[in-house]
PDB file of N, CA and C in Angstrom:
ATOM      1  N   MET A   1     -28.567  17.710 -25.360  1.00  0.00           N
ATOM      2  CA  MET A   1     -28.700  16.441 -24.665  1.00  0.00           C
ATOM      3  C   MET A   1     -27.523  15.525 -24.974  1.00  0.00           C
ATOM      4  N   ILE A   2     -27.133  15.452 -26.239  1.00  0.00           N
ATOM      5  CA  ILE A   2     -26.009  14.609 -26.638  1.00  0.00           C
ATOM      6  C   ILE A   2     -24.726  15.106 -25.985  1.00  0.00           C
ATOM      7  N   ILE A   3     -24.577  16.418 -25.878  1.00  0.00           N
ATOM      8  CA  ILE A   3     -23.369  16.990 -25.262  1.00  0.00           C
ATOM      9  C   ILE A   3     -23.296  16.576 -23.792  1.00  0.00           C
ATOM     10  N   ILE A   4     -24.400  16.605 -23.085  1.00  0.00           N
ATOM     11  CA  ILE A   4     -24.420  16.238 -21.668  1.00  0.00           C
ATOM     12  C   ILE A   4     -24.054  14.767 -21.495  1.00  0.00           C
ATOM     13  N   VAL A   5     -24.615  13.906 -22.309  1.00  0.00           N
ATOM     14  CA  VAL A   5     -24.297  12.476 -22.230  1.00  0.00           C
ATOM     15  C   VAL A   5     -22.828  12.245 -22.542  1.00  0.00           C
ATOM     16  N   THR A   6     -22.298  12.943 -23.530  1.00  0.00           N
ATOM     17  CA  THR A   6     -20.880  12.810 -23.884  1.00  0.00           C
ATOM     18  C   THR A   6     -19.994  13.275 -22.730  1.00  0.00           C
ATOM     19  N   LEU A   7     -20.329  14.394 -22.126  1.00  0.00           N
ATOM     20  CA  LEU A   7     -19.536  14.897 -21.001  1.00  0.00           C
ATOM     21  C   LEU A   7     -19.573  13.933 -19.815  1.00  0.00           C
ATOM     22  N   ILE A   8     -20.720  13.351 -19.545  1.00  0.00           N
ATOM     23  CA  ILE A   8     -20.831  12.381 -18.450  1.00  0.00           C
ATOM     24  C   ILE A   8     -19.977  11.154 -18.757  1.00  0.00           C
ATOM     25  N   THR A   9     -20.007  10.691 -19.989  1.00  0.00           N
ATOM     26  CA  THR A   9     -19.197   9.540 -20.382  1.00  0.00           C
ATOM     27  C   THR A   9     -17.710   9.850 -20.226  1.00  0.00           C
ATOM     28  N   ILE A  10     -17.288  11.025 -20.669  1.00  0.00           N
ATOM     29  CA  ILE A  10     -15.874  11.418 -20.543  1.00  0.00           C
ATOM     30  C   ILE A  10     -15.492  11.503 -19.071  1.00  0.00           C
ATOM     31  N   PHE A  11     -16.334  12.104 -18.262  1.00  0.00           N
ATOM     32  CA  PHE A  11     -16.056  12.229 -16.838  1.00  0.00           C
ATOM     33  C   PHE A  11     -15.912  10.854 -16.180  1.00  0.00           C
ATOM     34  N   ASN A  12     -16.834   9.959 -16.487  1.00  0.00           N
ATOM     35  CA  ASN A  12     -16.773   8.612 -15.912  1.00  0.00           C
ATOM     36  C   ASN A  12     -15.510   7.876 -16.345  1.00  0.00           C
ATOM     37  N   THR A  13     -15.109   8.028 -17.588  1.00  0.00           N
ATOM     38  CA  THR A  13     -13.885   7.399 -18.085  1.00  0.00           C
ATOM     39  C   THR A  13     -12.664   7.962 -17.378  1.00  0.00           C
ATOM     40  N   MET A  14     -12.607   9.276 -17.231  1.00  0.00           N
ATOM     41  CA  MET A  14     -11.464   9.909 -16.564  1.00  0.00           C
ATOM     42  C   MET A  14     -11.396   9.493 -15.101  1.00  0.00           C
ATOM     43  N   THR A  15     -12.547   9.411 -14.448  1.00  0.00           N
ATOM     44  CA  THR A  15     -12.579   9.002 -13.051  1.00  0.00           C
ATOM     45  C   THR A  15     -12.078   7.573 -12.884  1.00  0.00           C
ATOM     46  N   SER A  16     -12.475   6.676 -13.771  1.00  0.00           N
ATOM     47  CA  SER A  16     -12.016   5.287 -13.664  1.00  0.00           C
ATOM     48  C   SER A  16     -10.527   5.186 -13.968  1.00  0.00           C
ATOM     49  N   LEU A  17     -10.002   6.011 -14.863  1.00  0.00           N
ATOM     50  CA  LEU A  17      -8.569   6.001 -15.145  1.00  0.00           C
ATOM     51  C   LEU A  17      -7.774   6.531 -13.966  1.00  0.00           C
ATOM     52  N   ASP A  18      -8.315   7.509 -13.243  1.00  0.00           N
ATOM     53  CA  ASP A  18      -7.636   8.037 -12.067  1.00  0.00           C
ATOM     54  C   ASP A  18      -7.430   6.963 -11.015  1.00  0.00           C
ATOM     55  N   LYS A  19      -8.332   6.018 -10.945  1.00  0.00           N
ATOM     56  CA  LYS A  19      -8.212   4.949  -9.955  1.00  0.00           C
ATOM     57  C   LYS A  19      -7.130   3.954 -10.334  1.00  0.00           C
ATOM     58  N   LEU A  20      -6.773   3.886 -11.628  1.00  0.00           N
ATOM     59  CA  LEU A  20      -5.780   2.918 -12.084  1.00  0.00           C
ATOM     60  C   LEU A  20      -4.356   3.405 -11.891  1.00  0.00           C
ATOM     61  N   THR A  21      -4.097   4.691 -12.132  1.00  0.00           N
ATOM     62  CA  THR A  21      -2.752   5.226 -11.983  1.00  0.00           C
ATOM     63  C   THR A  21      -2.810   6.604 -11.339  1.00  0.00           C
ATOM     64  N   ALA A  22      -1.772   6.924 -10.596  1.00  0.00           N
ATOM     65  CA  ALA A  22      -1.672   8.249 -10.007  1.00  0.00           C
ATOM     66  C   ALA A  22      -1.249   9.235 -11.087  1.00  0.00           C
ATOM     67  N   THR A  23      -1.211  10.518 -10.741  1.00  0.00           N
ATOM     68  CA  THR A  23      -0.871  11.539 -11.733  1.00  0.00           C
ATOM     69  C   THR A  23       0.570  11.407 -12.221  1.00  0.00           C
ATOM     70  N   ASP A  24       1.459  10.840 -11.424  1.00  0.00           N
ATOM     71  CA  ASP A  24       2.844  10.687 -11.856  1.00  0.00           C
ATOM     72  C   ASP A  24       3.097   9.363 -12.565  1.00  0.00           C
ATOM     73  N   GLY A  25       2.045   8.580 -12.820  1.00  0.00           N
ATOM     74  CA  GLY A  25       2.193   7.330 -13.565  1.00  0.00           C
ATOM     75  C   GLY A  25       2.440   6.110 -12.702  1.00  0.00           C
ATOM     76  N   THR A  26       2.582   6.289 -11.392  1.00  0.00           N
ATOM     77  CA  THR A  26       2.813   5.146 -10.517  1.00  0.00           C
ATOM     78  C   THR A  26       1.482   4.487 -10.172  1.00  0.00           C
ATOM     79  N   PRO A  27       1.498   3.189  -9.895  1.00  0.00           N
ATOM     80  CA  PRO A  27       0.238   2.529  -9.517  1.00  0.00           C
ATOM     81  C   PRO A  27      -0.263   3.077  -8.193  1.00  0.00           C
ATOM     82  N   PRO A  28      -1.559   3.010  -7.948  1.00  0.00           N
ATOM     83  CA  PRO A  28      -2.104   3.540  -6.693  1.00  0.00           C
ATOM     84  C   PRO A  28      -1.635   2.717  -5.505  1.00  0.00           C
ATOM     85  N   LYS A  29      -1.556   3.380  -4.354  1.00  0.00           N
ATOM     86  CA  LYS A  29      -1.179   2.687  -3.133  1.00  0.00           C
ATOM     87  C   LYS A  29      -2.337   1.806  -2.678  1.00  0.00           C
ATOM     88  N   PRO A  30      -2.023   0.614  -2.170  1.00  0.00           N
ATOM     89  CA  PRO A  30      -3.107  -0.244  -1.690  1.00  0.00           C
ATOM     90  C   PRO A  30      -3.742   0.360  -0.439  1.00  0.00           C
ATOM     91  N   HIS A  31      -5.012   0.204  -0.321  1.00  0.00           N
ATOM     92  CA  HIS A  31      -5.731   0.707   0.847  1.00  0.00           C
ATOM     93  C   HIS A  31      -6.085  -0.461   1.746  1.00  0.00           C
ATOM     94  N   PRO A  32      -5.888  -0.289   3.057  1.00  0.00           N
ATOM     95  CA  PRO A  32      -6.278  -1.362   3.977  1.00  0.00           C
ATOM     96  C   PRO A  32      -7.778  -1.631   3.891  1.00  0.00           C
ATOM     97  N   GLN A  33      -8.126  -2.881   3.956  1.00  0.00           N
ATOM     98  CA  GLN A  33      -9.522  -3.290   3.947  1.00  0.00           C
ATOM     99  C   GLN A  33      -9.947  -3.564   5.392  1.00  0.00           C
ATOM    100  N   PRO A  34     -11.216  -3.374   5.711  1.00  0.00           N
ATOM    101  CA  PRO A  34     -11.665  -3.583   7.092  1.00  0.00           C
ATOM    102  C   PRO A  34     -11.390  -4.989   7.621  1.00  0.00           C
ATOM    103  N   ASN A  35     -11.410  -5.996   6.744  1.00  0.00           N
ATOM    104  CA  ASN A  35     -11.212  -7.370   7.212  1.00  0.00           C
ATOM    105  C   ASN A  35      -9.764  -7.853   7.067  1.00  0.00           C
ATOM    106  N   ASP A  36      -8.817  -6.949   6.738  1.00  0.00           N
ATOM    107  CA  ASP A  36      -7.402  -7.334   6.675  1.00  0.00           C
ATOM    108  C   ASP A  36      -6.912  -7.732   8.062  1.00  0.00           C
ATOM    109  N   ARG A  37      -6.045  -8.743   8.094  1.00  0.00           N
ATOM    110  CA  ARG A  37      -5.467  -9.199   9.359  1.00  0.00           C
ATOM    111  C   ARG A  37      -4.530  -8.118   9.883  1.00  0.00           C
ATOM    112  N   ARG A  38      -4.595  -7.828  11.170  1.00  0.00           N
ATOM    113  CA  ARG A  38      -3.742  -6.805  11.773  1.00  0.00           C
ATOM    114  C   ARG A  38      -2.952  -7.419  12.924  1.00  0.00           C
ATOM    115  N   ILE A  39      -1.711  -6.964  13.051  1.00  0.00           N
ATOM    116  CA  ILE A  39      -0.867  -7.419  14.151  1.00  0.00           C
ATOM    117  C   ILE A  39      -0.068  -6.221  14.649  1.00  0.00           C
ATOM    118  N   SER A  40       0.069  -6.113  15.939  1.00  0.00           N
ATOM    119  CA  SER A  40       0.818  -5.018  16.543  1.00  0.00           C
ATOM    120  C   SER A  40       2.298  -5.160  16.188  1.00  0.00           C
ATOM    121  N   SER A  41       2.944  -4.056  15.853  1.00  0.00           N
ATOM    122  CA  SER A  41       4.371  -4.111  15.535  1.00  0.00           C
ATOM    123  C   SER A  41       5.171  -4.576  16.745  1.00  0.00           C
ATOM    124  N   LYS A  42       4.722  -4.240  17.941  1.00  0.00           N
ATOM    125  CA  LYS A  42       5.421  -4.692  19.150  1.00  0.00           C
ATOM    126  C   LYS A  42       5.355  -6.210  19.283  1.00  0.00           C
ATOM    127  N   ASN A  43       4.204  -6.793  18.944  1.00  0.00           N
ATOM    128  CA  ASN A  43       4.079  -8.258  18.969  1.00  0.00           C
ATOM    129  C   ASN A  43       4.918  -8.891  17.868  1.00  0.00           C
ATOM    130  N   LEU A  44       4.950  -8.267  16.703  1.00  0.00           N
ATOM    131  CA  LEU A  44       5.691  -8.818  15.570  1.00  0.00           C
ATOM    132  C   LEU A  44       7.198  -8.737  15.786  1.00  0.00           C
ATOM    133  N   LEU A  45       7.684  -7.589  16.253  1.00  0.00           N
ATOM    134  CA  LEU A  45       9.126  -7.369  16.389  1.00  0.00           C
ATOM    135  C   LEU A  45       9.695  -7.902  17.690  1.00  0.00           C
ATOM    136  N   GLY A  46       8.848  -8.090  18.697  1.00  0.00           N
ATOM    137  CA  GLY A  46       9.321  -8.590  19.981  1.00  0.00           C
ATOM    138  C   GLY A  46      10.137  -7.551  20.714  1.00  0.00           C
ATOM    139  N   PRO A  47      10.693  -7.927  21.851  1.00  0.00           N
ATOM    140  CA  PRO A  47      11.458  -6.972  22.659  1.00  0.00           C
ATOM    141  C   PRO A  47      12.748  -6.508  21.969  1.00  0.00           C
ATOM    142  N   GLU A  48      13.241  -7.300  21.016  1.00  0.00           N
ATOM    143  CA  GLU A  48      14.469  -6.936  20.309  1.00  0.00           C
ATOM    144  C   GLU A  48      14.239  -5.809  19.296  1.00  0.00           C
ATOM    145  N   GLY A  49      12.981  -5.635  18.872  1.00  0.00           N
ATOM    146  CA  GLY A  49      12.672  -4.605  17.883  1.00  0.00           C
ATOM    147  C   GLY A  49      13.048  -4.999  16.468  1.00  0.00           C
ATOM    148  N   ARG A  50      13.178  -6.308  16.231  1.00  0.00           N
ATOM    149  CA  ARG A  50      13.550  -6.782  14.900  1.00  0.00           C
ATOM    150  C   ARG A  50      13.082  -8.218  14.704  1.00  0.00           C
ATOM    151  N   VAL A  51      12.852  -8.577  13.447  1.00  0.00           N
ATOM    152  CA  VAL A  51      12.418  -9.932  13.128  1.00  0.00           C
ATOM    153  C   VAL A  51      12.889 -10.268  11.716  1.00  0.00           C
ATOM    154  N   ILE A  52      13.249 -11.523  11.507  1.00  0.00           N
ATOM    155  CA  ILE A  52      13.602 -12.011  10.173  1.00  0.00           C
ATOM    156  C   ILE A  52      12.331 -12.575   9.547  1.00  0.00           C
ATOM    157  N   ILE A  53      12.048 -12.149   8.324  1.00  0.00           N
ATOM    158  CA  ILE A  53      10.889 -12.651   7.590  1.00  0.00           C
ATOM    159  C   ILE A  53      11.403 -13.467   6.417  1.00  0.00           C
ATOM    160  N   GLU A  54      10.958 -14.704   6.310  1.00  0.00           N
ATOM    161  CA  GLU A  54      11.329 -15.553   5.178  1.00  0.00           C
ATOM    162  C   GLU A  54      10.213 -15.501   4.145  1.00  0.00           C
ATOM    163  N   HIS A  55      10.597 -15.183   2.911  1.00  0.00           N
ATOM    164  CA  HIS A  55       9.622 -15.067   1.822  1.00  0.00           C
ATOM    165  C   HIS A  55      10.239 -15.640   0.554  1.00  0.00           C
ATOM    166  N   ASP A  56       9.642 -16.687   0.010  1.00  0.00           N
ATOM    167  CA  ASP A  56      10.130 -17.343  -1.215  1.00  0.00           C
ATOM    168  C   ASP A  56      11.612 -17.684  -1.137  1.00  0.00           C
ATOM    169  N   GLY A  57      12.024 -18.203   0.017  1.00  0.00           N
ATOM    170  CA  GLY A  57      13.409 -18.622   0.192  1.00  0.00           C
ATOM    171  C   GLY A  57      14.382 -17.486   0.468  1.00  0.00           C
ATOM    172  N   GLN A  58      13.918 -16.268   0.494  1.00  0.00           N
ATOM    173  CA  GLN A  58      14.762 -15.097   0.793  1.00  0.00           C
ATOM    174  C   GLN A  58      14.499 -14.650   2.229  1.00  0.00           C
ATOM    175  N   HIS A  59      15.521 -14.083   2.860  1.00  0.00           N
ATOM    176  CA  HIS A  59      15.379 -13.581   4.225  1.00  0.00           C
ATOM    177  C   HIS A  59      15.413 -12.059   4.211  1.00  0.00           C
ATOM    178  N   TYR A  60      14.478 -11.462   4.935  1.00  0.00           N
ATOM    179  CA  TYR A  60      14.373 -10.016   5.059  1.00  0.00           C
ATOM    180  C   TYR A  60      14.392  -9.654   6.532  1.00  0.00           C
ATOM    181  N   LEU A  61      15.028  -8.538   6.853  1.00  0.00           N
ATOM    182  CA  LEU A  61      15.071  -8.051   8.226  1.00  0.00           C
ATOM    183  C   LEU A  61      14.117  -6.869   8.343  1.00  0.00           C
ATOM    184  N   LEU A  62      13.137  -6.987   9.224  1.00  0.00           N
ATOM    185  CA  LEU A  62      12.239  -5.886   9.544  1.00  0.00           C
ATOM    186  C   LEU A  62      12.648  -5.385  10.911  1.00  0.00           C
ATOM    187  N   ARG A  63      12.996  -4.103  10.990  1.00  0.00           N
ATOM    188  CA  ARG A  63      13.445  -3.560  12.271  1.00  0.00           C
ATOM    189  C   ARG A  63      12.865  -2.176  12.492  1.00  0.00           C
ATOM    190  N   GLN A  64      12.839  -1.810  13.762  1.00  0.00           N
ATOM    191  CA  GLN A  64      12.365  -0.482  14.137  1.00  0.00           C
ATOM    192  C   GLN A  64      13.568   0.397  14.412  1.00  0.00           C
ATOM    193  N   THR A  65      13.553   1.618  13.872  1.00  0.00           N
ATOM    194  CA  THR A  65      14.646   2.556  14.102  1.00  0.00           C
ATOM    195  C   THR A  65      14.469   3.235  15.456  1.00  0.00           C
ATOM    196  N   HIS A  66      15.488   3.997  15.857  1.00  0.00           N
ATOM    197  CA  HIS A  66      15.402   4.753  17.106  1.00  0.00           C
ATOM    198  C   HIS A  66      14.286   5.797  17.037  1.00  0.00           C
ATOM    199  N   ALA A  67      13.976   6.254  15.834  1.00  0.00           N
ATOM    200  CA  ALA A  67      12.906   7.246  15.642  1.00  0.00           C
ATOM    201  C   ALA A  67      11.520   6.601  15.587  1.00  0.00           C
ATOM    202  N   GLY A  68      11.465   5.249  15.668  1.00  0.00           N
ATOM    203  CA  GLY A  68      10.184   4.562  15.672  1.00  0.00           C
ATOM    204  C   GLY A  68       9.669   4.174  14.292  1.00  0.00           C
ATOM    205  N   LYS A  69      10.473   4.381  13.247  1.00  0.00           N
ATOM    206  CA  LYS A  69      10.062   3.991  11.893  1.00  0.00           C
ATOM    207  C   LYS A  69      10.413   2.531  11.660  1.00  0.00           C
ATOM    208  N   LEU A  70       9.744   1.912  10.677  1.00  0.00           N
ATOM    209  CA  LEU A  70      10.037   0.524  10.309  1.00  0.00           C
ATOM    210  C   LEU A  70      10.838   0.491   9.023  1.00  0.00           C
ATOM    211  N   ILE A  71      11.865  -0.356   8.996  1.00  0.00           N
ATOM    212  CA  ILE A  71      12.692  -0.516   7.807  1.00  0.00           C
ATOM    213  C   ILE A  71      12.772  -1.999   7.464  1.00  0.00           C
ATOM    214  N   LEU A  72      12.512  -2.325   6.205  1.00  0.00           N
ATOM    215  CA  LEU A  72      12.615  -3.700   5.719  1.00  0.00           C
ATOM    216  C   LEU A  72      13.793  -3.765   4.762  1.00  0.00           C
ATOM    217  N   THR A  73      14.789  -4.622   5.081  1.00  0.00           N
ATOM    218  CA  THR A  73      15.965  -4.780   4.219  1.00  0.00           C
ATOM    219  C   THR A  73      16.154  -6.238   3.875  1.00  0.00           C
ATOM    220  N   LYS A  74      16.787  -6.462   2.729  1.00  0.00           N
ATOM    221  CA  LYS A  74      17.050  -7.810   2.270  1.00  0.00           C
ATOM    222  C   LYS A  74      18.413  -8.248   2.746  1.00  0.00           C
TER     223      LYS A  74
END
């Protein structure tokens, strides 16, 4: 009985640690939440396919590549 309780405790601890860091030591990727605000990339980028984002006094360029990927540069 004690062995089973110990194994369950170890399993629960390992499972909670897996949620904190990935196997390579990097933090887990954020997961979208159902109530997160969503905006279409076409609406955000406009017909030009690019937009300047100001964040903490810094300017970033978000643009769409010819392959349809998004790139954010400072």
